[in-house]
Amino acid sequence: MSSNIRIVFLGLTGYLGGTLLEALLTHPNASQFDITAFVRSEEKASDINNTALGVKAISGTFSKLEEAVSIADVVFNIASSDDLPMTQAIIDGARKRYASTKTAPVVIHVSGSAIIADFAGGQHLNDKRFIATSDIPLAEAHEQGFLKSYILAPPLIWGLATGRFVDAGLQNPAFSSIKLLSRIVKRRGVFGFVGPQLNAWSTIEVHDLAQLIVTMFNTVVIKHKEIAGGKAYYFSANGDVVSKEYLSRIAHAMHKYGLTKTADITEFTPEEIAKWPILNAFAINSRTTDARSRSLGWAPVHTVPEFLDSIDESIKVISIQKEDFGAHWMEV
């Protein structure tokens, strides 16, 4: 790699993406990073470029993304993990990069632990832990050798994002799962739940997760160490939470800040679940262990009790946001 590390970054305006980019811009080696953020709209790119916050932005079609990746050393995909055309543009750009330089660019891609969910409908947790294969296109590209992919699968991410992009009004500061639920509940007027709420999710605080990604970047890019990639997943967890433990707090806070008309809590009907399939995500078990991530030297510090205590402030922030701010990958 050249003395300057050329980085293409996707997901700047998102909850995790902006948090990670803040960590990169305050990295000890930040002066060596040449960071280009790819965003979907020209308006967003203009807003970012006008802030002079340490990153330049481009927008356009996926061919523009492919072109940017073709000259990049590192790609962070913190945007939608389900967007196959976008992933393919990254892969195609990396292939061009390798063809011209014989150097495989690093692709750090964030998926989610829902890939190993059991869709339990709110039923109780069990003692199983799951193993999953990684995203097929990136894993295949890794095996072919023209890129090095490292995939993270975080669980329920929580906490309020902070930093320059939040302060500039460019980044969604609240975690997406609560934001999506709040949109549905506001339309319904009454807080709801799916099943008996005995299902459990592993949890991770947003800054802890960003630090894991930075640790991975340091290991692979700065220190040039070989670690498991391709089909290997990097999970992150610092305690599990049962739905009943946190949904009741969300319901209370939503009523407190005027997002619901009543403090009542009722079960979503089958018709409502069919209308809003994303509700199933609040009724699944998704529990992970993170030995591979911790083997990099990373250790999360924020705990489940802190998560529960943080809910009120997160709902307060959501209550004063514009309706269309953040989590655009799911409209309700």
Foldseek 3Di string as FASTA:
>chain_A
DDQAAEEEEEDCQEQLRVLLVQVLCVDPSNVRYQYEYEDADPVLQVLVCVVPPSYHYDHDDLLVVLCSLLQGQEYEHPDAPPPVVNVVSNLNSLLNNCVVPVHAHEYEYEDALCVVWDLQQQDADDDDADDFWDDPVQLVSVVVPSHWYAYEHEKQEADFRDDDCVVSVRHDGGGDVLLVQLLLCLVVQAAEATPPQNAKIFYAYSNLVSVLVVLVCCQCPVVVHDDDTRGDYAYDGADMDGRVLASLLLLVLCVVLVSHPDSDYYYDDPVVCVVPVCSSVSRIHRYHDGPSSCVSVGDGDDHPVVRNVCSNVSSNVSSPDDSCRHPVVDDD
